[in-house]
Each structure stands twice: as C-alpha cells, then as structure tokens.
Amino acid sequence: MRLRLLDETELAGDPSRSVEMTFDGVRVEDDHLAVRLTPVDLVHLTLDAERVMVEIRAEVVRAERRWRRALEQWHEEGRMAVEARTPDVALLSRVLEALRRDALITC
C-alpha cells in the first residue's frame, strides 16, 4: 500500500484529486476493490497517511506565505501611489482586482 501526494503537473487535469492510493495485490470484484489489511499494512497505511498530511500542510504553509508576500507587495505599491498624491489608476485597479481574486480563492 502506498499514499502519494500528486504534484502540480498531475493535478492539472483534475485538481480535486490530490492524493493517490495504490495497493499491491488488489483484486477487483464487481467493480469494487477487495483489500485485505494485515496489521503491518495498517501501520504502513497510517505512516503513509501521516507523511502525506505533513506534505499537504507544508504546501498550505508555502501557499499562505506566497499569498502574504503578494498582499504585502500590493499594499506597499498602493501606499506609495497614495502618498505620491498622483494615484496610478491602473496600478490601484490591479491591486483591487488581485485582492478580489485572492479573496474569492481563500473563501
């Protein structure tokens, strides 16, 4: 038994699939998987699941850091435009659109 976190290229077709589970010696009966788990298999499955969860948490933290850096950059660019008292309408528009887009993604 193995659990594996799919990478970006594998997710391109179906982002709802993020973890792949494979079994050695699996039998298919009437379109159902028939799997017998030994205690050792269960331990391996638990360890694999924990490893994948650590990978998922790490990716979430990296994504949040990227988002916060982008947010700080947009904030700084917007602040500089306002302080210049000659607001760059195109820049402010891009900042607002980016904030709206990210707000929709995080909800």
PDB file of N, CA and C in Angstrom:
ATOM      1  N   MET A   1       0.831  -1.175   0.000  1.00  0.00           N
ATOM      2  CA  MET A   1       0.000   0.000   0.000  1.00  0.00           C
ATOM      3  C   MET A   1       0.879   1.242   0.000  1.00  0.00           C
ATOM      4  N   ARG A   2       0.450   2.225  -0.769  1.00  0.00           N
ATOM      5  CA  ARG A   2       1.214   3.469  -0.820  1.00  0.00           C
ATOM      6  C   ARG A   2       0.263   4.652  -0.978  1.00  0.00           C
ATOM      7  N   LEU A   3       0.591   5.732  -0.295  1.00  0.00           N
ATOM      8  CA  LEU A   3      -0.084   7.008  -0.491  1.00  0.00           C
ATOM      9  C   LEU A   3       0.946   7.970  -1.059  1.00  0.00           C
ATOM     10  N   ARG A   4       0.502   8.786  -2.014  1.00  0.00           N
ATOM     11  CA  ARG A   4       1.430   9.726  -2.645  1.00  0.00           C
ATOM     12  C   ARG A   4       0.695  11.021  -2.937  1.00  0.00           C
ATOM     13  N   LEU A   5       1.308  12.144  -2.563  1.00  0.00           N
ATOM     14  CA  LEU A   5       0.770  13.455  -2.882  1.00  0.00           C
ATOM     15  C   LEU A   5       1.114  13.756  -4.331  1.00  0.00           C
ATOM     16  N   LEU A   6       0.106  14.054  -5.157  1.00  0.00           N
ATOM     17  CA  LEU A   6       0.335  14.324  -6.573  1.00  0.00           C
ATOM     18  C   LEU A   6       0.971  15.691  -6.748  1.00  0.00           C
ATOM     19  N   ASP A   7       1.846  15.815  -7.752  1.00  0.00           N
ATOM     20  CA  ASP A   7       2.485  17.110  -8.000  1.00  0.00           C
ATOM     21  C   ASP A   7       1.613  17.972  -8.915  1.00  0.00           C
ATOM     22  N   GLU A   8       2.051  19.213  -9.151  1.00  0.00           N
ATOM     23  CA  GLU A   8       1.259  20.184  -9.913  1.00  0.00           C
ATOM     24  C   GLU A   8       0.883  19.680 -11.303  1.00  0.00           C
ATOM     25  N   THR A   9       1.816  19.028 -11.986  1.00  0.00           N
ATOM     26  CA  THR A   9       1.536  18.593 -13.354  1.00  0.00           C
ATOM     27  C   THR A   9       0.455  17.519 -13.377  1.00  0.00           C
ATOM     28  N   GLU A  10       0.435  16.675 -12.379  1.00  0.00           N
ATOM     29  CA  GLU A  10      -0.583  15.625 -12.323  1.00  0.00           C
ATOM     30  C   GLU A  10      -1.945  16.182 -11.917  1.00  0.00           C
ATOM     31  N   LEU A  11      -1.959  17.311 -11.231  1.00  0.00           N
ATOM     32  CA  LEU A  11      -3.216  17.914 -10.793  1.00  0.00           C
ATOM     33  C   LEU A  11      -3.869  18.760 -11.878  1.00  0.00           C
ATOM     34  N   ALA A  12      -3.135  19.073 -12.941  1.00  0.00           N
ATOM     35  CA  ALA A  12      -3.650  19.967 -13.982  1.00  0.00           C
ATOM     36  C   ALA A  12      -4.981  19.476 -14.547  1.00  0.00           C
ATOM     37  N   GLY A  13      -5.130  18.193 -14.733  1.00  0.00           N
ATOM     38  CA  GLY A  13      -6.359  17.670 -15.303  1.00  0.00           C
ATOM     39  C   GLY A  13      -7.509  17.627 -14.316  1.00  0.00           C
ATOM     40  N   ASP A  14      -7.231  17.325 -13.053  1.00  0.00           N
ATOM     41  CA  ASP A  14      -8.291  17.169 -12.057  1.00  0.00           C
ATOM     42  C   ASP A  14      -7.768  17.611 -10.690  1.00  0.00           C
ATOM     43  N   PRO A  15      -7.896  18.908 -10.363  1.00  0.00           N
ATOM     44  CA  PRO A  15      -7.352  19.400  -9.101  1.00  0.00           C
ATOM     45  C   PRO A  15      -8.053  18.845  -7.858  1.00  0.00           C
ATOM     46  N   SER A  16      -9.202  18.203  -8.015  1.00  0.00           N
ATOM     47  CA  SER A  16      -9.879  17.644  -6.847  1.00  0.00           C
ATOM     48  C   SER A  16      -9.174  16.386  -6.344  1.00  0.00           C
ATOM     49  N   ARG A  17      -8.370  15.759  -7.209  1.00  0.00           N
ATOM     50  CA  ARG A  17      -7.571  14.592  -6.795  1.00  0.00           C
ATOM     51  C   ARG A  17      -6.216  15.094  -6.312  1.00  0.00           C
ATOM     52  N   SER A  18      -5.904  14.892  -5.057  1.00  0.00           N
ATOM     53  CA  SER A  18      -4.618  15.368  -4.571  1.00  0.00           C
ATOM     54  C   SER A  18      -3.750  14.245  -4.020  1.00  0.00           C
ATOM     55  N   VAL A  19      -4.354  13.123  -3.672  1.00  0.00           N
ATOM     56  CA  VAL A  19      -3.609  12.001  -3.109  1.00  0.00           C
ATOM     57  C   VAL A  19      -3.944  10.747  -3.913  1.00  0.00           C
ATOM     58  N   GLU A  20      -2.901  10.012  -4.247  1.00  0.00           N
ATOM     59  CA  GLU A  20      -3.093   8.758  -4.977  1.00  0.00           C
ATOM     60  C   GLU A  20      -2.810   7.608  -4.020  1.00  0.00           C
ATOM     61  N   MET A  21      -3.709   6.624  -3.984  1.00  0.00           N
ATOM     62  CA  MET A  21      -3.530   5.449  -3.150  1.00  0.00           C
ATOM     63  C   MET A  21      -3.390   4.236  -4.064  1.00  0.00           C
ATOM     64  N   THR A  22      -2.337   3.476  -3.874  1.00  0.00           N
ATOM     65  CA  THR A  22      -2.136   2.265  -4.664  1.00  0.00           C
ATOM     66  C   THR A  22      -1.956   1.084  -3.709  1.00  0.00           C
ATOM     67  N   PHE A  23      -2.383  -0.072  -4.166  1.00  0.00           N
ATOM     68  CA  PHE A  23      -2.294  -1.282  -3.359  1.00  0.00           C
ATOM     69  C   PHE A  23      -1.572  -2.363  -4.143  1.00  0.00           C
ATOM     70  N   ASP A  24      -0.753  -3.116  -3.469  1.00  0.00           N
ATOM     71  CA  ASP A  24      -0.144  -4.302  -4.072  1.00  0.00           C
ATOM     72  C   ASP A  24      -1.099  -5.475  -3.849  1.00  0.00           C
ATOM     73  N   GLY A  25      -1.271  -6.302  -4.856  1.00  0.00           N
ATOM     74  CA  GLY A  25      -2.112  -7.488  -4.721  1.00  0.00           C
ATOM     75  C   GLY A  25      -3.583  -7.193  -4.563  1.00  0.00           C
ATOM     76  N   VAL A  26      -4.094  -6.191  -5.235  1.00  0.00           N
ATOM     77  CA  VAL A  26      -5.503  -5.819  -5.120  1.00  0.00           C
ATOM     78  C   VAL A  26      -6.320  -6.631  -6.118  1.00  0.00           C
ATOM     79  N   ARG A  27      -7.451  -7.125  -5.659  1.00  0.00           N
ATOM     80  CA  ARG A  27      -8.376  -7.830  -6.534  1.00  0.00           C
ATOM     81  C   ARG A  27      -9.597  -6.953  -6.772  1.00  0.00           C
ATOM     82  N   VAL A  28     -10.100  -6.955  -7.987  1.00  0.00           N
ATOM     83  CA  VAL A  28     -11.309  -6.204  -8.303  1.00  0.00           C
ATOM     84  C   VAL A  28     -12.446  -7.200  -8.463  1.00  0.00           C
ATOM     85  N   GLU A  29     -13.513  -7.005  -7.678  1.00  0.00           N
ATOM     86  CA  GLU A  29     -14.681  -7.883  -7.733  1.00  0.00           C
ATOM     87  C   GLU A  29     -15.917  -7.032  -7.961  1.00  0.00           C
ATOM     88  N   ASP A  30     -16.581  -7.244  -9.077  1.00  0.00           N
ATOM     89  CA  ASP A  30     -17.813  -6.497  -9.375  1.00  0.00           C
ATOM     90  C   ASP A  30     -17.613  -4.990  -9.219  1.00  0.00           C
ATOM     91  N   ASP A  31     -16.560  -4.475  -9.808  1.00  0.00           N
ATOM     92  CA  ASP A  31     -16.236  -3.047  -9.759  1.00  0.00           C
ATOM     93  C   ASP A  31     -15.954  -2.522  -8.356  1.00  0.00           C
ATOM     94  N   HIS A  32     -15.621  -3.390  -7.419  1.00  0.00           N
ATOM     95  CA  HIS A  32     -15.244  -2.975  -6.071  1.00  0.00           C
ATOM     96  C   HIS A  32     -13.854  -3.518  -5.766  1.00  0.00           C
ATOM     97  N   LEU A  33     -13.105  -2.769  -5.014  1.00  0.00           N
ATOM     98  CA  LEU A  33     -11.787  -3.233  -4.600  1.00  0.00           C
ATOM     99  C   LEU A  33     -11.935  -4.161  -3.406  1.00  0.00           C
ATOM    100  N   ALA A  34     -11.245  -5.276  -3.459  1.00  0.00           N
ATOM    101  CA  ALA A  34     -11.229  -6.201  -2.333  1.00  0.00           C
ATOM    102  C   ALA A  34      -9.809  -6.171  -1.766  1.00  0.00           C
ATOM    103  N   VAL A  35      -9.644  -5.585  -0.592  1.00  0.00           N
ATOM    104  CA  VAL A  35      -8.325  -5.434   0.009  1.00  0.00           C
ATOM    105  C   VAL A  35      -8.353  -6.046   1.395  1.00  0.00           C
ATOM    106  N   ARG A  36      -7.381  -6.885   1.651  1.00  0.00           N
ATOM    107  CA  ARG A  36      -7.232  -7.446   2.992  1.00  0.00           C
ATOM    108  C   ARG A  36      -6.059  -6.754   3.647  1.00  0.00           C
ATOM    109  N   LEU A  37      -6.291  -6.206   4.813  1.00  0.00           N
ATOM    110  CA  LEU A  37      -5.251  -5.478   5.520  1.00  0.00           C
ATOM    111  C   LEU A  37      -4.709  -6.313   6.666  1.00  0.00           C
ATOM    112  N   THR A  38      -3.413  -6.420   6.704  1.00  0.00           N
ATOM    113  CA  THR A  38      -2.760  -7.047   7.852  1.00  0.00           C
ATOM    114  C   THR A  38      -2.412  -5.926   8.825  1.00  0.00           C
ATOM    115  N   PRO A  39      -2.109  -6.253  10.054  1.00  0.00           N
ATOM    116  CA  PRO A  39      -1.691  -5.206  10.991  1.00  0.00           C
ATOM    117  C   PRO A  39      -0.484  -4.406  10.470  1.00  0.00           C
ATOM    118  N   VAL A  40       0.439  -5.083   9.803  1.00  0.00           N
ATOM    119  CA  VAL A  40       1.608  -4.389   9.244  1.00  0.00           C
ATOM    120  C   VAL A  40       1.162  -3.429   8.145  1.00  0.00           C
ATOM    121  N   ASP A  41       0.219  -3.877   7.276  1.00  0.00           N
ATOM    122  CA  ASP A  41      -0.313  -2.999   6.233  1.00  0.00           C
ATOM    123  C   ASP A  41      -0.974  -1.766   6.842  1.00  0.00           C
ATOM    124  N   LEU A  42      -1.707  -1.977   7.914  1.00  0.00           N
ATOM    125  CA  LEU A  42      -2.394  -0.867   8.565  1.00  0.00           C
ATOM    126  C   LEU A  42      -1.389   0.137   9.129  1.00  0.00           C
ATOM    127  N   VAL A  43      -0.305  -0.357   9.704  1.00  0.00           N
ATOM    128  CA  VAL A  43       0.748   0.538  10.212  1.00  0.00           C
ATOM    129  C   VAL A  43       1.362   1.315   9.054  1.00  0.00           C
ATOM    130  N   HIS A  44       1.665   0.623   7.950  1.00  0.00           N
ATOM    131  CA  HIS A  44       2.234   1.303   6.776  1.00  0.00           C
ATOM    132  C   HIS A  44       1.265   2.356   6.235  1.00  0.00           C
ATOM    133  N   LEU A  45      -0.010   2.002   6.156  1.00  0.00           N
ATOM    134  CA  LEU A  45      -1.010   2.947   5.676  1.00  0.00           C
ATOM    135  C   LEU A  45      -1.080   4.175   6.580  1.00  0.00           C
ATOM    136  N   THR A  46      -1.046   3.965   7.876  1.00  0.00           N
ATOM    137  CA  THR A  46      -1.068   5.074   8.825  1.00  0.00           C
ATOM    138  C   THR A  46       0.153   5.967   8.655  1.00  0.00           C
ATOM    139  N   LEU A  47       1.333   5.369   8.541  1.00  0.00           N
ATOM    140  CA  LEU A  47       2.557   6.147   8.362  1.00  0.00           C
ATOM    141  C   LEU A  47       2.541   6.908   7.041  1.00  0.00           C
ATOM    142  N   ASP A  48       2.086   6.244   5.973  1.00  0.00           N
ATOM    143  CA  ASP A  48       1.993   6.922   4.678  1.00  0.00           C
ATOM    144  C   ASP A  48       1.006   8.075   4.744  1.00  0.00           C
ATOM    145  N   ALA A  49      -0.128   7.863   5.395  1.00  0.00           N
ATOM    146  CA  ALA A  49      -1.134   8.923   5.509  1.00  0.00           C
ATOM    147  C   ALA A  49      -0.568  10.106   6.297  1.00  0.00           C
ATOM    148  N   GLU A  50       0.160   9.832   7.361  1.00  0.00           N
ATOM    149  CA  GLU A  50       0.760  10.912   8.143  1.00  0.00           C
ATOM    150  C   GLU A  50       1.789  11.674   7.310  1.00  0.00           C
ATOM    151  N   ARG A  51       2.588  10.963   6.524  1.00  0.00           N
ATOM    152  CA  ARG A  51       3.595  11.607   5.679  1.00  0.00           C
ATOM    153  C   ARG A  51       2.933  12.514   4.649  1.00  0.00           C
ATOM    154  N   VAL A  52       1.875  12.014   4.018  1.00  0.00           N
ATOM    155  CA  VAL A  52       1.168  12.819   3.020  1.00  0.00           C
ATOM    156  C   VAL A  52       0.532  14.043   3.672  1.00  0.00           C
ATOM    157  N   MET A  53      -0.028  13.880   4.869  1.00  0.00           N
ATOM    158  CA  MET A  53      -0.622  15.025   5.559  1.00  0.00           C
ATOM    159  C   MET A  53       0.441  16.079   5.886  1.00  0.00           C
ATOM    160  N   VAL A  54       1.641  15.655   6.250  1.00  0.00           N
ATOM    161  CA  VAL A  54       2.734  16.599   6.506  1.00  0.00           C
ATOM    162  C   VAL A  54       3.067  17.356   5.222  1.00  0.00           C
ATOM    163  N   GLU A  55       3.109  16.640   4.090  1.00  0.00           N
ATOM    164  CA  GLU A  55       3.382  17.287   2.808  1.00  0.00           C
ATOM    165  C   GLU A  55       2.282  18.287   2.453  1.00  0.00           C
ATOM    166  N   ILE A  56       1.035  17.913   2.691  1.00  0.00           N
ATOM    167  CA  ILE A  56      -0.088  18.806   2.389  1.00  0.00           C
ATOM    168  C   ILE A  56      -0.011  20.053   3.272  1.00  0.00           C
ATOM    169  N   ARG A  57       0.244  19.868   4.567  1.00  0.00           N
ATOM    170  CA  ARG A  57       0.356  21.019   5.468  1.00  0.00           C
ATOM    171  C   ARG A  57       1.492  21.941   5.042  1.00  0.00           C
ATOM    172  N   ALA A  58       2.631  21.358   4.648  1.00  0.00           N
ATOM    173  CA  ALA A  58       3.772  22.170   4.207  1.00  0.00           C
ATOM    174  C   ALA A  58       3.408  22.971   2.962  1.00  0.00           C
ATOM    175  N   GLU A  59       2.695  22.360   2.031  1.00  0.00           N
ATOM    176  CA  GLU A  59       2.290  23.077   0.807  1.00  0.00           C
ATOM    177  C   GLU A  59       1.314  24.201   1.137  1.00  0.00           C
ATOM    178  N   VAL A  60       0.419  23.973   2.083  1.00  0.00           N
ATOM    179  CA  VAL A  60      -0.522  25.016   2.502  1.00  0.00           C
ATOM    180  C   VAL A  60       0.236  26.191   3.120  1.00  0.00           C
ATOM    181  N   VAL A  61       1.223  25.891   3.959  1.00  0.00           N
ATOM    182  CA  VAL A  61       2.015  26.955   4.583  1.00  0.00           C
ATOM    183  C   VAL A  61       2.782  27.741   3.523  1.00  0.00           C
ATOM    184  N   ARG A  62       3.380  27.041   2.536  1.00  0.00           N
ATOM    185  CA  ARG A  62       4.097  27.730   1.460  1.00  0.00           C
ATOM    186  C   ARG A  62       3.147  28.618   0.652  1.00  0.00           C
ATOM    187  N   ALA A  63       1.960  28.121   0.361  1.00  0.00           N
ATOM    188  CA  ALA A  63       0.984  28.908  -0.400  1.00  0.00           C
ATOM    189  C   ALA A  63       0.549  30.135   0.391  1.00  0.00           C
ATOM    190  N   GLU A  64       0.350  29.975   1.695  1.00  0.00           N
ATOM    191  CA  GLU A  64      -0.046  31.117   2.517  1.00  0.00           C
ATOM    192  C   GLU A  64       1.070  32.157   2.575  1.00  0.00           C
ATOM    193  N   ARG A  65       2.314  31.708   2.675  1.00  0.00           N
ATOM    194  CA  ARG A  65       3.438  32.653   2.674  1.00  0.00           C
ATOM    195  C   ARG A  65       3.509  33.417   1.356  1.00  0.00           C
ATOM    196  N   ARG A  66       3.333  32.716   0.218  1.00  0.00           N
ATOM    197  CA  ARG A  66       3.341  33.390  -1.085  1.00  0.00           C
ATOM    198  C   ARG A  66       2.227  34.426  -1.152  1.00  0.00           C
ATOM    199  N   TRP A  67       1.051  34.065  -0.671  1.00  0.00           N
ATOM    200  CA  TRP A  67      -0.091  34.969  -0.692  1.00  0.00           C
ATOM    201  C   TRP A  67       0.179  36.205   0.176  1.00  0.00           C
ATOM    202  N   ARG A  68       0.730  36.002   1.371  1.00  0.00           N
ATOM    203  CA  ARG A  68       1.029  37.127   2.258  1.00  0.00           C
ATOM    204  C   ARG A  68       2.090  38.054   1.660  1.00  0.00           C
ATOM    205  N   ARG A  69       3.118  37.476   1.017  1.00  0.00           N
ATOM    206  CA  ARG A  69       4.132  38.310   0.364  1.00  0.00           C
ATOM    207  C   ARG A  69       3.503  39.149  -0.744  1.00  0.00           C
ATOM    208  N   ALA A  70       2.652  38.523  -1.545  1.00  0.00           N
ATOM    209  CA  ALA A  70       1.979  39.254  -2.624  1.00  0.00           C
ATOM    210  C   ALA A  70       1.083  40.351  -2.044  1.00  0.00           C
ATOM    211  N   LEU A  71       0.371  40.029  -0.983  1.00  0.00           N
ATOM    212  CA  LEU A  71      -0.503  41.010  -0.336  1.00  0.00           C
ATOM    213  C   LEU A  71       0.306  42.187   0.197  1.00  0.00           C
ATOM    214  N   GLU A  72       1.440  41.907   0.832  1.00  0.00           N
ATOM    215  CA  GLU A  72       2.299  42.983   1.342  1.00  0.00           C
ATOM    216  C   GLU A  72       2.821  43.852   0.198  1.00  0.00           C
ATOM    217  N   GLN A  73       3.189  43.212  -0.912  1.00  0.00           N
ATOM    218  CA  GLN A  73       3.685  43.970  -2.066  1.00  0.00           C
ATOM    219  C   GLN A  73       2.580  44.872  -2.627  1.00  0.00           C
ATOM    220  N   TRP A  74       1.368  44.337  -2.778  1.00  0.00           N
ATOM    221  CA  TRP A  74       0.259  45.142  -3.295  1.00  0.00           C
ATOM    222  C   TRP A  74      -0.042  46.299  -2.339  1.00  0.00           C
ATOM    223  N   HIS A  75       0.009  46.018  -1.047  1.00  0.00           N
ATOM    224  CA  HIS A  75      -0.245  47.053  -0.052  1.00  0.00           C
ATOM    225  C   HIS A  75       0.804  48.165  -0.172  1.00  0.00           C
ATOM    226  N   GLU A  76       2.066  47.772  -0.275  1.00  0.00           N
ATOM    227  CA  GLU A  76       3.147  48.761  -0.390  1.00  0.00           C
ATOM    228  C   GLU A  76       3.011  49.582  -1.664  1.00  0.00           C
ATOM    229  N   GLU A  77       2.720  48.924  -2.788  1.00  0.00           N
ATOM    230  CA  GLU A  77       2.553  49.656  -4.046  1.00  0.00           C
ATOM    231  C   GLU A  77       1.376  50.629  -3.952  1.00  0.00           C
ATOM    232  N   GLY A  78       0.296  50.201  -3.350  1.00  0.00           N
ATOM    233  CA  GLY A  78      -0.872  51.069  -3.191  1.00  0.00           C
ATOM    234  C   GLY A  78      -0.572  52.237  -2.271  1.00  0.00           C
ATOM    235  N   ARG A  79       0.134  51.976  -1.159  1.00  0.00           N
ATOM    236  CA  ARG A  79       0.504  53.047  -0.224  1.00  0.00           C
ATOM    237  C   ARG A  79       1.397  54.078  -0.904  1.00  0.00           C
ATOM    238  N   MET A  80       2.365  53.603  -1.683  1.00  0.00           N
ATOM    239  CA  MET A  80       3.267  54.515  -2.378  1.00  0.00           C
ATOM    240  C   MET A  80       2.494  55.372  -3.389  1.00  0.00           C
ATOM    241  N   ALA A  81       1.538  54.776  -4.076  1.00  0.00           N
ATOM    242  CA  ALA A  81       0.747  55.525  -5.050  1.00  0.00           C
ATOM    243  C   ALA A  81      -0.083  56.598  -4.364  1.00  0.00           C
ATOM    244  N   VAL A  82      -0.662  56.269  -3.210  1.00  0.00           N
ATOM    245  CA  VAL A  82      -1.472  57.243  -2.481  1.00  0.00           C
ATOM    246  C   VAL A  82      -0.589  58.358  -1.933  1.00  0.00           C
ATOM    247  N   GLU A  83       0.567  58.017  -1.404  1.00  0.00           N
ATOM    248  CA  GLU A  83       1.468  59.034  -0.864  1.00  0.00           C
ATOM    249  C   GLU A  83       1.985  59.969  -1.945  1.00  0.00           C
ATOM    250  N   ALA A  84       2.111  59.501  -3.156  1.00  0.00           N
ATOM    251  CA  ALA A  84       2.588  60.335  -4.254  1.00  0.00           C
ATOM    252  C   ALA A  84       1.527  61.364  -4.655  1.00  0.00           C
ATOM    253  N   ARG A  85       0.336  61.191  -4.168  1.00  0.00           N
ATOM    254  CA  ARG A  85      -0.796  62.089  -4.431  1.00  0.00           C
ATOM    255  C   ARG A  85      -1.155  62.184  -5.912  1.00  0.00           C
ATOM    256  N   THR A  86      -0.559  61.350  -6.698  1.00  0.00           N
ATOM    257  CA  THR A  86      -0.947  61.231  -8.105  1.00  0.00           C
ATOM    258  C   THR A  86      -1.198  59.747  -8.342  1.00  0.00           C
ATOM    259  N   PRO A  87      -2.325  59.266  -7.844  1.00  0.00           N
ATOM    260  CA  PRO A  87      -2.566  57.827  -7.906  1.00  0.00           C
ATOM    261  C   PRO A  87      -2.528  57.289  -9.337  1.00  0.00           C
ATOM    262  N   ASP A  88      -1.835  56.186  -9.455  1.00  0.00           N
ATOM    263  CA  ASP A  88      -1.780  55.469 -10.721  1.00  0.00           C
ATOM    264  C   ASP A  88      -3.026  54.585 -10.769  1.00  0.00           C
ATOM    265  N   VAL A  89      -4.017  55.011 -11.508  1.00  0.00           N
ATOM    266  CA  VAL A  89      -5.307  54.327 -11.547  1.00  0.00           C
ATOM    267  C   VAL A  89      -5.140  52.882 -12.007  1.00  0.00           C
ATOM    268  N   ALA A  90      -4.284  52.641 -12.966  1.00  0.00           N
ATOM    269  CA  ALA A  90      -4.068  51.281 -13.460  1.00  0.00           C
ATOM    270  C   ALA A  90      -3.477  50.402 -12.356  1.00  0.00           C
ATOM    271  N   LEU A  91      -2.509  50.928 -11.604  1.00  0.00           N
ATOM    272  CA  LEU A  91      -1.903  50.172 -10.508  1.00  0.00           C
ATOM    273  C   LEU A  91      -2.937  49.862  -9.435  1.00  0.00           C
ATOM    274  N   LEU A  92      -3.682  50.865  -9.017  1.00  0.00           N
ATOM    275  CA  LEU A  92      -4.693  50.641  -7.991  1.00  0.00           C
ATOM    276  C   LEU A  92      -5.752  49.649  -8.464  1.00  0.00           C
ATOM    277  N   SER A  93      -6.097  49.715  -9.719  1.00  0.00           N
ATOM    278  CA  SER A  93      -7.063  48.779 -10.283  1.00  0.00           C
ATOM    279  C   SER A  93      -6.525  47.349 -10.218  1.00  0.00           C
ATOM    280  N   ARG A  94      -5.233  47.174 -10.561  1.00  0.00           N
ATOM    281  CA  ARG A  94      -4.610  45.843 -10.490  1.00  0.00           C
ATOM    282  C   ARG A  94      -4.577  45.330  -9.054  1.00  0.00           C
ATOM    283  N   VAL A  95      -4.275  46.220  -8.110  1.00  0.00           N
ATOM    284  CA  VAL A  95      -4.239  45.825  -6.701  1.00  0.00           C
ATOM    285  C   VAL A  95      -5.623  45.373  -6.245  1.00  0.00           C
ATOM    286  N   LEU A  96      -6.643  46.157  -6.577  1.00  0.00           N
ATOM    287  CA  LEU A  96      -8.005  45.785  -6.183  1.00  0.00           C
ATOM    288  C   LEU A  96      -8.443  44.471  -6.814  1.00  0.00           C
ATOM    289  N   GLU A  97      -8.149  44.277  -8.085  1.00  0.00           N
ATOM    290  CA  GLU A  97      -8.510  43.027  -8.761  1.00  0.00           C
ATOM    291  C   GLU A  97      -7.800  41.836  -8.127  1.00  0.00           C
ATOM    292  N   ALA A  98      -6.508  42.009  -7.806  1.00  0.00           N
ATOM    293  CA  ALA A  98      -5.757  40.925  -7.175  1.00  0.00           C
ATOM    294  C   ALA A  98      -6.328  40.596  -5.804  1.00  0.00           C
ATOM    295  N   LEU A  99      -6.681  41.622  -5.039  1.00  0.00           N
ATOM    296  CA  LEU A  99      -7.273  41.382  -3.727  1.00  0.00           C
ATOM    297  C   LEU A  99      -8.625  40.693  -3.847  1.00  0.00           C
ATOM    298  N   ARG A 100      -9.432  41.113  -4.797  1.00  0.00           N
ATOM    299  CA  ARG A 100     -10.738  40.459  -5.007  1.00  0.00           C
ATOM    300  C   ARG A 100     -10.553  39.006  -5.413  1.00  0.00           C
ATOM    301  N   ARG A 101      -9.617  38.756  -6.349  1.00  0.00           N
ATOM    302  CA  ARG A 101      -9.374  37.392  -6.822  1.00  0.00           C
ATOM    303  C   ARG A 101      -8.903  36.507  -5.674  1.00  0.00           C
ATOM    304  N   ASP A 102      -7.965  36.990  -4.871  1.00  0.00           N
ATOM    305  CA  ASP A 102      -7.457  36.194  -3.751  1.00  0.00           C
ATOM    306  C   ASP A 102      -8.522  35.989  -2.682  1.00  0.00           C
ATOM    307  N   ALA A 103      -9.382  36.976  -2.481  1.00  0.00           N
ATOM    308  CA  ALA A 103     -10.455  36.827  -1.510  1.00  0.00           C
ATOM    309  C   ALA A 103     -11.412  35.727  -1.947  1.00  0.00           C
ATOM    310  N   LEU A 104     -11.661  35.629  -3.249  1.00  0.00           N
ATOM    311  CA  LEU A 104     -12.549  34.564  -3.746  1.00  0.00           C
ATOM    312  C   LEU A 104     -11.892  33.205  -3.613  1.00  0.00           C
ATOM    313  N   ILE A 105     -10.593  33.136  -3.835  1.00  0.00           N
ATOM    314  CA  ILE A 105      -9.880  31.857  -3.768  1.00  0.00           C
ATOM    315  C   ILE A 105      -9.837  31.349  -2.335  1.00  0.00           C
ATOM    316  N   THR A 106      -9.636  32.224  -1.359  1.00  0.00           N
ATOM    317  CA  THR A 106      -9.488  31.789   0.022  1.00  0.00           C
ATOM    318  C   THR A 106     -10.806  31.498   0.703  1.00  0.00           C
ATOM    319  N   CYS A 107     -11.919  31.923   0.119  1.00  0.00           N
ATOM    320  CA  CYS A 107     -13.228  31.706   0.748  1.00  0.00           C
ATOM    321  C   CYS A 107     -13.714  30.302   0.504  1.00  0.00           C
TER     322      CYS A 107
END
